[in-house]
Amino acid sequence: MMNNSQRFLRLHQVKEKTGFKKSWIYQQMRLKKFPAAIRIGSTHVAWLESDIEEWIKQQVSNSSLPEKSRAAVHDRKKYMKAI
């Protein structure tokens, strides 16, 4: 099921949503393994939120971690962000 969110995300928001740095995001874009950015001005780019959310869902479904392990990793990330 695809989310129809048409909101633009800037790089800092994509980094926050995915947990990856700029260099990794652009490397994966070059390898066609990450959603492409959309030019929204002469010097600005953004990503569609729905593309990023779909990519995240695909990564989770492709993961070899059992569901309980994924939940534990997510909880640890939330904990680490809080401290």
PDB file of N, CA and C in Angstrom:
ATOM      1  N   MET A   1       0.847  -1.181   0.000  1.00  0.00           N
ATOM      2  CA  MET A   1       0.000   0.000   0.000  1.00  0.00           C
ATOM      3  C   MET A   1       0.890   1.241   0.000  1.00  0.00           C
ATOM      4  N   MET A   2       0.691   2.117  -0.948  1.00  0.00           N
ATOM      5  CA  MET A   2       1.529   3.302  -1.065  1.00  0.00           C
ATOM      6  C   MET A   2       0.864   4.489  -0.378  1.00  0.00           C
ATOM      7  N   ASN A   3       1.657   5.221   0.369  1.00  0.00           N
ATOM      8  CA  ASN A   3       1.195   6.435   1.003  1.00  0.00           C
ATOM      9  C   ASN A   3       1.173   7.534  -0.055  1.00  0.00           C
ATOM     10  N   ASN A   4       0.115   8.319  -0.111  1.00  0.00           N
ATOM     11  CA  ASN A   4      -0.007   9.356  -1.123  1.00  0.00           C
ATOM     12  C   ASN A   4       0.466  10.716  -0.626  1.00  0.00           C
ATOM     13  N   SER A   5       1.383  10.746   0.325  1.00  0.00           N
ATOM     14  CA  SER A   5       1.893  11.996   0.850  1.00  0.00           C
ATOM     15  C   SER A   5       2.722  12.707  -0.208  1.00  0.00           C
ATOM     16  N   GLN A   6       2.345  13.922  -0.560  1.00  0.00           N
ATOM     17  CA  GLN A   6       3.063  14.680  -1.572  1.00  0.00           C
ATOM     18  C   GLN A   6       3.861  15.820  -0.949  1.00  0.00           C
ATOM     19  N   ARG A   7       4.247  15.668   0.275  1.00  0.00           N
ATOM     20  CA  ARG A   7       5.027  16.686   0.980  1.00  0.00           C
ATOM     21  C   ARG A   7       6.495  16.559   0.599  1.00  0.00           C
ATOM     22  N   PHE A   8       7.149  17.705   0.386  1.00  0.00           N
ATOM     23  CA  PHE A   8       8.585  17.703   0.119  1.00  0.00           C
ATOM     24  C   PHE A   8       9.358  17.606   1.426  1.00  0.00           C
ATOM     25  N   LEU A   9      10.436  16.834   1.400  1.00  0.00           N
ATOM     26  CA  LEU A   9      11.369  16.773   2.525  1.00  0.00           C
ATOM     27  C   LEU A   9      12.708  17.313   2.053  1.00  0.00           C
ATOM     28  N   ARG A  10      13.311  18.159   2.852  1.00  0.00           N
ATOM     29  CA  ARG A  10      14.649  18.654   2.553  1.00  0.00           C
ATOM     30  C   ARG A  10      15.659  17.651   3.115  1.00  0.00           C
ATOM     31  N   LEU A  11      16.931  17.820   2.759  1.00  0.00           N
ATOM     32  CA  LEU A  11      17.967  16.861   3.131  1.00  0.00           C
ATOM     33  C   LEU A  11      18.001  16.603   4.634  1.00  0.00           C
ATOM     34  N   HIS A  12      17.944  17.644   5.447  1.00  0.00           N
ATOM     35  CA  HIS A  12      18.020  17.424   6.902  1.00  0.00           C
ATOM     36  C   HIS A  12      16.868  16.557   7.389  1.00  0.00           C
ATOM     37  N   GLN A  13      15.693  16.669   6.756  1.00  0.00           N
ATOM     38  CA  GLN A  13      14.554  15.846   7.144  1.00  0.00           C
ATOM     39  C   GLN A  13      14.733  14.397   6.688  1.00  0.00           C
ATOM     40  N   VAL A  14      15.316  14.210   5.500  1.00  0.00           N
ATOM     41  CA  VAL A  14      15.584  12.858   5.005  1.00  0.00           C
ATOM     42  C   VAL A  14      16.622  12.185   5.899  1.00  0.00           C
ATOM     43  N   LYS A  15      17.652  12.938   6.286  1.00  0.00           N
ATOM     44  CA  LYS A  15      18.674  12.396   7.187  1.00  0.00           C
ATOM     45  C   LYS A  15      18.045  11.983   8.513  1.00  0.00           C
ATOM     46  N   GLU A  16      17.162  12.810   9.025  1.00  0.00           N
ATOM     47  CA  GLU A  16      16.503  12.514  10.299  1.00  0.00           C
ATOM     48  C   GLU A  16      15.610  11.279  10.183  1.00  0.00           C
ATOM     49  N   LYS A  17      14.852  11.176   9.100  1.00  0.00           N
ATOM     50  CA  LYS A  17      13.937  10.034   8.904  1.00  0.00           C
ATOM     51  C   LYS A  17      14.682   8.721   8.706  1.00  0.00           C
ATOM     52  N   THR A  18      15.809   8.761   7.989  1.00  0.00           N
ATOM     53  CA  THR A  18      16.510   7.525   7.649  1.00  0.00           C
ATOM     54  C   THR A  18      17.640   7.191   8.606  1.00  0.00           C
ATOM     55  N   GLY A  19      18.211   8.195   9.248  1.00  0.00           N
ATOM     56  CA  GLY A  19      19.359   7.970  10.120  1.00  0.00           C
ATOM     57  C   GLY A  19      20.683   7.931   9.371  1.00  0.00           C
ATOM     58  N   PHE A  20      20.655   8.265   8.074  1.00  0.00           N
ATOM     59  CA  PHE A  20      21.880   8.240   7.264  1.00  0.00           C
ATOM     60  C   PHE A  20      22.387   9.647   6.992  1.00  0.00           C
ATOM     61  N   LYS A  21      23.676   9.724   6.724  1.00  0.00           N
ATOM     62  CA  LYS A  21      24.311  11.009   6.430  1.00  0.00           C
ATOM     63  C   LYS A  21      24.202  11.341   4.947  1.00  0.00           C
ATOM     64  N   LYS A  22      24.488  12.606   4.634  1.00  0.00           N
ATOM     65  CA  LYS A  22      24.388  13.120   3.267  1.00  0.00           C
ATOM     66  C   LYS A  22      25.190  12.285   2.274  1.00  0.00           C
ATOM     67  N   SER A  23      26.428  11.975   2.605  1.00  0.00           N
ATOM     68  CA  SER A  23      27.282  11.249   1.659  1.00  0.00           C
ATOM     69  C   SER A  23      26.711   9.873   1.332  1.00  0.00           C
ATOM     70  N   TRP A  24      26.149   9.175   2.327  1.00  0.00           N
ATOM     71  CA  TRP A  24      25.562   7.851   2.085  1.00  0.00           C
ATOM     72  C   TRP A  24      24.321   7.976   1.211  1.00  0.00           C
ATOM     73  N   ILE A  25      23.485   8.966   1.506  1.00  0.00           N
ATOM     74  CA  ILE A  25      22.251   9.171   0.735  1.00  0.00           C
ATOM     75  C   ILE A  25      22.582   9.409  -0.734  1.00  0.00           C
ATOM     76  N   TYR A  26      23.532  10.301  -1.006  1.00  0.00           N
ATOM     77  CA  TYR A  26      23.885  10.605  -2.392  1.00  0.00           C
ATOM     78  C   TYR A  26      24.582   9.425  -3.074  1.00  0.00           C
ATOM     79  N   GLN A  27      25.375   8.679  -2.336  1.00  0.00           N
ATOM     80  CA  GLN A  27      26.003   7.483  -2.907  1.00  0.00           C
ATOM     81  C   GLN A  27      24.938   6.472  -3.322  1.00  0.00           C
ATOM     82  N   GLN A  28      23.959   6.244  -2.460  1.00  0.00           N
ATOM     83  CA  GLN A  28      22.896   5.298  -2.770  1.00  0.00           C
ATOM     84  C   GLN A  28      22.015   5.791  -3.919  1.00  0.00           C
ATOM     85  N   MET A  29      21.841   7.108  -4.027  1.00  0.00           N
ATOM     86  CA  MET A  29      21.102   7.659  -5.170  1.00  0.00           C
ATOM     87  C   MET A  29      21.849   7.356  -6.475  1.00  0.00           C
ATOM     88  N   ARG A  30      23.167   7.536  -6.462  1.00  0.00           N
ATOM     89  CA  ARG A  30      23.969   7.244  -7.667  1.00  0.00           C
ATOM     90  C   ARG A  30      23.871   5.771  -8.054  1.00  0.00           C
ATOM     91  N   LEU A  31      23.757   4.892  -7.052  1.00  0.00           N
ATOM     92  CA  LEU A  31      23.634   3.459  -7.298  1.00  0.00           C
ATOM     93  C   LEU A  31      22.187   3.041  -7.588  1.00  0.00           C
ATOM     94  N   LYS A  32      21.270   4.015  -7.617  1.00  0.00           N
ATOM     95  CA  LYS A  32      19.839   3.762  -7.865  1.00  0.00           C
ATOM     96  C   LYS A  32      19.214   2.875  -6.782  1.00  0.00           C
ATOM     97  N   LYS A  33      19.738   3.016  -5.548  1.00  0.00           N
ATOM     98  CA  LYS A  33      19.227   2.232  -4.420  1.00  0.00           C
ATOM     99  C   LYS A  33      18.491   3.103  -3.402  1.00  0.00           C
ATOM    100  N   PHE A  34      18.287   4.369  -3.740  1.00  0.00           N
ATOM    101  CA  PHE A  34      17.616   5.319  -2.858  1.00  0.00           C
ATOM    102  C   PHE A  34      16.812   6.257  -3.749  1.00  0.00           C
ATOM    103  N   PRO A  35      15.656   6.718  -3.277  1.00  0.00           N
ATOM    104  CA  PRO A  35      14.834   7.609  -4.109  1.00  0.00           C
ATOM    105  C   PRO A  35      15.606   8.840  -4.587  1.00  0.00           C
ATOM    106  N   ALA A  36      15.376   9.200  -5.827  1.00  0.00           N
ATOM    107  CA  ALA A  36      16.036  10.363  -6.413  1.00  0.00           C
ATOM    108  C   ALA A  36      15.447  11.654  -5.856  1.00  0.00           C
ATOM    109  N   ALA A  37      16.305  12.645  -5.720  1.00  0.00           N
ATOM    110  CA  ALA A  37      15.860  13.966  -5.303  1.00  0.00           C
ATOM    111  C   ALA A  37      15.206  14.667  -6.493  1.00  0.00           C
ATOM    112  N   ILE A  38      14.329  15.603  -6.183  1.00  0.00           N
ATOM    113  CA  ILE A  38      13.640  16.404  -7.188  1.00  0.00           C
ATOM    114  C   ILE A  38      14.152  17.833  -7.077  1.00  0.00           C
ATOM    115  N   ARG A  39      14.552  18.405  -8.195  1.00  0.00           N
ATOM    116  CA  ARG A  39      15.014  19.797  -8.187  1.00  0.00           C
ATOM    117  C   ARG A  39      13.802  20.702  -7.990  1.00  0.00           C
ATOM    118  N   ILE A  40      13.847  21.555  -6.966  1.00  0.00           N
ATOM    119  CA  ILE A  40      12.726  22.456  -6.681  1.00  0.00           C
ATOM    120  C   ILE A  40      13.115  23.919  -6.841  1.00  0.00           C
ATOM    121  N   GLY A  41      14.262  24.142  -7.375  1.00  0.00           N
ATOM    122  CA  GLY A  41      14.747  25.497  -7.622  1.00  0.00           C
ATOM    123  C   GLY A  41      16.116  25.394  -8.253  1.00  0.00           C
ATOM    124  N   SER A  42      16.723  26.515  -8.527  1.00  0.00           N
ATOM    125  CA  SER A  42      18.028  26.474  -9.191  1.00  0.00           C
ATOM    126  C   SER A  42      19.106  25.853  -8.309  1.00  0.00           C
ATOM    127  N   THR A  43      18.950  25.956  -6.990  1.00  0.00           N
ATOM    128  CA  THR A  43      19.971  25.401  -6.095  1.00  0.00           C
ATOM    129  C   THR A  43      19.404  24.504  -5.000  1.00  0.00           C
ATOM    130  N   HIS A  44      18.134  24.165  -5.094  1.00  0.00           N
ATOM    131  CA  HIS A  44      17.500  23.374  -4.040  1.00  0.00           C
ATOM    132  C   HIS A  44      16.939  22.070  -4.585  1.00  0.00           C
ATOM    133  N   VAL A  45      17.058  21.024  -3.766  1.00  0.00           N
ATOM    134  CA  VAL A  45      16.451  19.735  -4.088  1.00  0.00           C
ATOM    135  C   VAL A  45      15.657  19.266  -2.882  1.00  0.00           C
ATOM    136  N   ALA A  46      14.729  18.350  -3.145  1.00  0.00           N
ATOM    137  CA  ALA A  46      13.920  17.773  -2.078  1.00  0.00           C
ATOM    138  C   ALA A  46      13.495  16.377  -2.518  1.00  0.00           C
ATOM    139  N   TRP A  47      12.965  15.631  -1.590  1.00  0.00           N
ATOM    140  CA  TRP A  47      12.462  14.288  -1.859  1.00  0.00           C
ATOM    141  C   TRP A  47      10.982  14.271  -1.514  1.00  0.00           C
ATOM    142  N   LEU A  48      10.219  13.447  -2.211  1.00  0.00           N
ATOM    143  CA  LEU A  48       8.820  13.269  -1.828  1.00  0.00           C
ATOM    144  C   LEU A  48       8.767  12.405  -0.578  1.00  0.00           C
ATOM    145  N   GLU A  49       8.023  12.836   0.399  1.00  0.00           N
ATOM    146  CA  GLU A  49       7.910  12.088   1.647  1.00  0.00           C
ATOM    147  C   GLU A  49       7.416  10.669   1.378  1.00  0.00           C
ATOM    148  N   SER A  50       6.481  10.521   0.448  1.00  0.00           N
ATOM    149  CA  SER A  50       5.946   9.187   0.139  1.00  0.00           C
ATOM    150  C   SER A  50       7.035   8.266  -0.412  1.00  0.00           C
ATOM    151  N   ASP A  51       7.971   8.803  -1.205  1.00  0.00           N
ATOM    152  CA  ASP A  51       9.078   7.988  -1.728  1.00  0.00           C
ATOM    153  C   ASP A  51       9.992   7.511  -0.599  1.00  0.00           C
ATOM    154  N   ILE A  52      10.283   8.400   0.337  1.00  0.00           N
ATOM    155  CA  ILE A  52      11.164   8.040   1.457  1.00  0.00           C
ATOM    156  C   ILE A  52      10.468   7.023   2.361  1.00  0.00           C
ATOM    157  N   GLU A  53       9.196   7.237   2.640  1.00  0.00           N
ATOM    158  CA  GLU A  53       8.461   6.295   3.488  1.00  0.00           C
ATOM    159  C   GLU A  53       8.372   4.922   2.838  1.00  0.00           C
ATOM    160  N   GLU A  54       8.149   4.878   1.531  1.00  0.00           N
ATOM    161  CA  GLU A  54       8.082   3.600   0.814  1.00  0.00           C
ATOM    162  C   GLU A  54       9.442   2.904   0.845  1.00  0.00           C
ATOM    163  N   TRP A  55      10.521   3.655   0.671  1.00  0.00           N
ATOM    164  CA  TRP A  55      11.870   3.090   0.716  1.00  0.00           C
ATOM    165  C   TRP A  55      12.130   2.472   2.098  1.00  0.00           C
ATOM    166  N   ILE A  56      11.740   3.187   3.149  1.00  0.00           N
ATOM    167  CA  ILE A  56      11.931   2.680   4.511  1.00  0.00           C
ATOM    168  C   ILE A  56      11.154   1.375   4.697  1.00  0.00           C
ATOM    169  N   LYS A  57       9.909   1.333   4.243  1.00  0.00           N
ATOM    170  CA  LYS A  57       9.098   0.114   4.362  1.00  0.00           C
ATOM    171  C   LYS A  57       9.750  -1.048   3.626  1.00  0.00           C
ATOM    172  N   GLN A  58      10.307  -0.777   2.449  1.00  0.00           N
ATOM    173  CA  GLN A  58      10.984  -1.829   1.686  1.00  0.00           C
ATOM    174  C   GLN A  58      12.206  -2.343   2.430  1.00  0.00           C
ATOM    175  N   GLN A  59      12.962  -1.437   3.054  1.00  0.00           N
ATOM    176  CA  GLN A  59      14.143  -1.851   3.798  1.00  0.00           C
ATOM    177  C   GLN A  59      13.756  -2.744   4.961  1.00  0.00           C
ATOM    178  N   VAL A  60      12.676  -2.386   5.639  1.00  0.00           N
ATOM    179  CA  VAL A  60      12.213  -3.184   6.778  1.00  0.00           C
ATOM    180  C   VAL A  60      11.747  -4.556   6.304  1.00  0.00           C
ATOM    181  N   SER A  61      10.979  -4.592   5.218  1.00  0.00           N
ATOM    182  CA  SER A  61      10.471  -5.887   4.745  1.00  0.00           C
ATOM    183  C   SER A  61      11.583  -6.758   4.170  1.00  0.00           C
ATOM    184  N   ASN A  62      12.652  -6.151   3.667  1.00  0.00           N
ATOM    185  CA  ASN A  62      13.794  -6.913   3.132  1.00  0.00           C
ATOM    186  C   ASN A  62      14.766  -7.347   4.228  1.00  0.00           C
ATOM    187  N   SER A  63      14.571  -6.810   5.410  1.00  0.00           N
ATOM    188  CA  SER A  63      15.482  -7.092   6.515  1.00  0.00           C
ATOM    189  C   SER A  63      15.407  -8.553   6.920  1.00  0.00           C
ATOM    190  N   SER A  64      16.550  -9.098   7.294  1.00  0.00           N
ATOM    191  CA  SER A  64      16.574 -10.483   7.758  1.00  0.00           C
ATOM    192  C   SER A  64      16.343 -10.579   9.261  1.00  0.00           C
ATOM    193  N   LEU A  65      16.208  -9.422   9.926  1.00  0.00           N
ATOM    194  CA  LEU A  65      15.954  -9.433  11.366  1.00  0.00           C
ATOM    195  C   LEU A  65      14.528  -9.870  11.651  1.00  0.00           C
ATOM    196  N   PRO A  66      14.333 -10.711  12.638  1.00  0.00           N
ATOM    197  CA  PRO A  66      12.972 -11.056  13.042  1.00  0.00           C
ATOM    198  C   PRO A  66      12.268  -9.808  13.574  1.00  0.00           C
ATOM    199  N   GLU A  67      10.953  -9.814  13.582  1.00  0.00           N
ATOM    200  CA  GLU A  67      10.156  -8.656  14.000  1.00  0.00           C
ATOM    201  C   GLU A  67      10.548  -8.164  15.393  1.00  0.00           C
ATOM    202  N   LYS A  68      10.763  -9.065  16.349  1.00  0.00           N
ATOM    203  CA  LYS A  68      11.132  -8.656  17.705  1.00  0.00           C
ATOM    204  C   LYS A  68      12.465  -7.917  17.708  1.00  0.00           C
ATOM    205  N   SER A  69      13.417  -8.373  16.915  1.00  0.00           N
ATOM    206  CA  SER A  69      14.723  -7.724  16.862  1.00  0.00           C
ATOM    207  C   SER A  69      14.611  -6.329  16.270  1.00  0.00           C
ATOM    208  N   ARG A  70      13.790  -6.161  15.233  1.00  0.00           N
ATOM    209  CA  ARG A  70      13.601  -4.841  14.626  1.00  0.00           C
ATOM    210  C   ARG A  70      13.013  -3.888  15.655  1.00  0.00           C
ATOM    211  N   ALA A  71      12.050  -4.359  16.445  1.00  0.00           N
ATOM    212  CA  ALA A  71      11.435  -3.520  17.472  1.00  0.00           C
ATOM    213  C   ALA A  71      12.468  -3.116  18.515  1.00  0.00           C
ATOM    214  N   ALA A  72      13.331  -4.025  18.892  1.00  0.00           N
ATOM    215  CA  ALA A  72      14.367  -3.722  19.881  1.00  0.00           C
ATOM    216  C   ALA A  72      15.340  -2.681  19.344  1.00  0.00           C
ATOM    217  N   VAL A  73      15.719  -2.793  18.072  1.00  0.00           N
ATOM    218  CA  VAL A  73      16.624  -1.814  17.465  1.00  0.00           C
ATOM    219  C   VAL A  73      15.954  -0.451  17.445  1.00  0.00           C
ATOM    220  N   HIS A  74      14.671  -0.399  17.065  1.00  0.00           N
ATOM    221  CA  HIS A  74      13.932   0.855  17.025  1.00  0.00           C
ATOM    222  C   HIS A  74      13.867   1.485  18.413  1.00  0.00           C
ATOM    223  N   ASP A  75      13.550   0.670  19.438  1.00  0.00           N
ATOM    224  CA  ASP A  75      13.478   1.179  20.807  1.00  0.00           C
ATOM    225  C   ASP A  75      14.824   1.716  21.266  1.00  0.00           C
ATOM    226  N   ARG A  76      15.913   1.057  20.898  1.00  0.00           N
ATOM    227  CA  ARG A  76      17.247   1.519  21.282  1.00  0.00           C
ATOM    228  C   ARG A  76      17.558   2.864  20.620  1.00  0.00           C
ATOM    229  N   LYS A  77      17.179   3.022  19.362  1.00  0.00           N
ATOM    230  CA  LYS A  77      17.404   4.299  18.673  1.00  0.00           C
ATOM    231  C   LYS A  77      16.642   5.419  19.357  1.00  0.00           C
ATOM    232  N   LYS A  78      15.378   5.152  19.750  1.00  0.00           N
ATOM    233  CA  LYS A  78      14.606   6.161  20.455  1.00  0.00           C
ATOM    234  C   LYS A  78      15.261   6.500  21.789  1.00  0.00           C
ATOM    235  N   TYR A  79      15.755   5.480  22.484  1.00  0.00           N
ATOM    236  CA  TYR A  79      16.424   5.694  23.768  1.00  0.00           C
ATOM    237  C   TYR A  79      17.680   6.549  23.590  1.00  0.00           C
ATOM    238  N   MET A  80      18.488   6.207  22.577  1.00  0.00           N
ATOM    239  CA  MET A  80      19.741   6.929  22.340  1.00  0.00           C
ATOM    240  C   MET A  80      19.468   8.392  21.948  1.00  0.00           C
ATOM    241  N   LYS A  81      18.399   8.636  21.219  1.00  0.00           N
ATOM    242  CA  LYS A  81      18.036  10.005  20.845  1.00  0.00           C
ATOM    243  C   LYS A  81      17.648  10.817  22.057  1.00  0.00           C
ATOM    244  N   ALA A  82      17.028  10.146  23.027  1.00  0.00           N
ATOM    245  CA  ALA A  82      16.508  10.852  24.212  1.00  0.00           C
ATOM    246  C   ALA A  82      17.615  11.284  25.165  1.00  0.00           C
ATOM    247  N   ILE A  83      18.756  10.583  25.133  1.00  0.00           N
ATOM    248  CA  ILE A  83      19.811  10.949  26.088  1.00  0.00           C
ATOM    249  C   ILE A  83      20.833  11.887  25.506  1.00  0.00           C
TER     250      ILE A  83
END
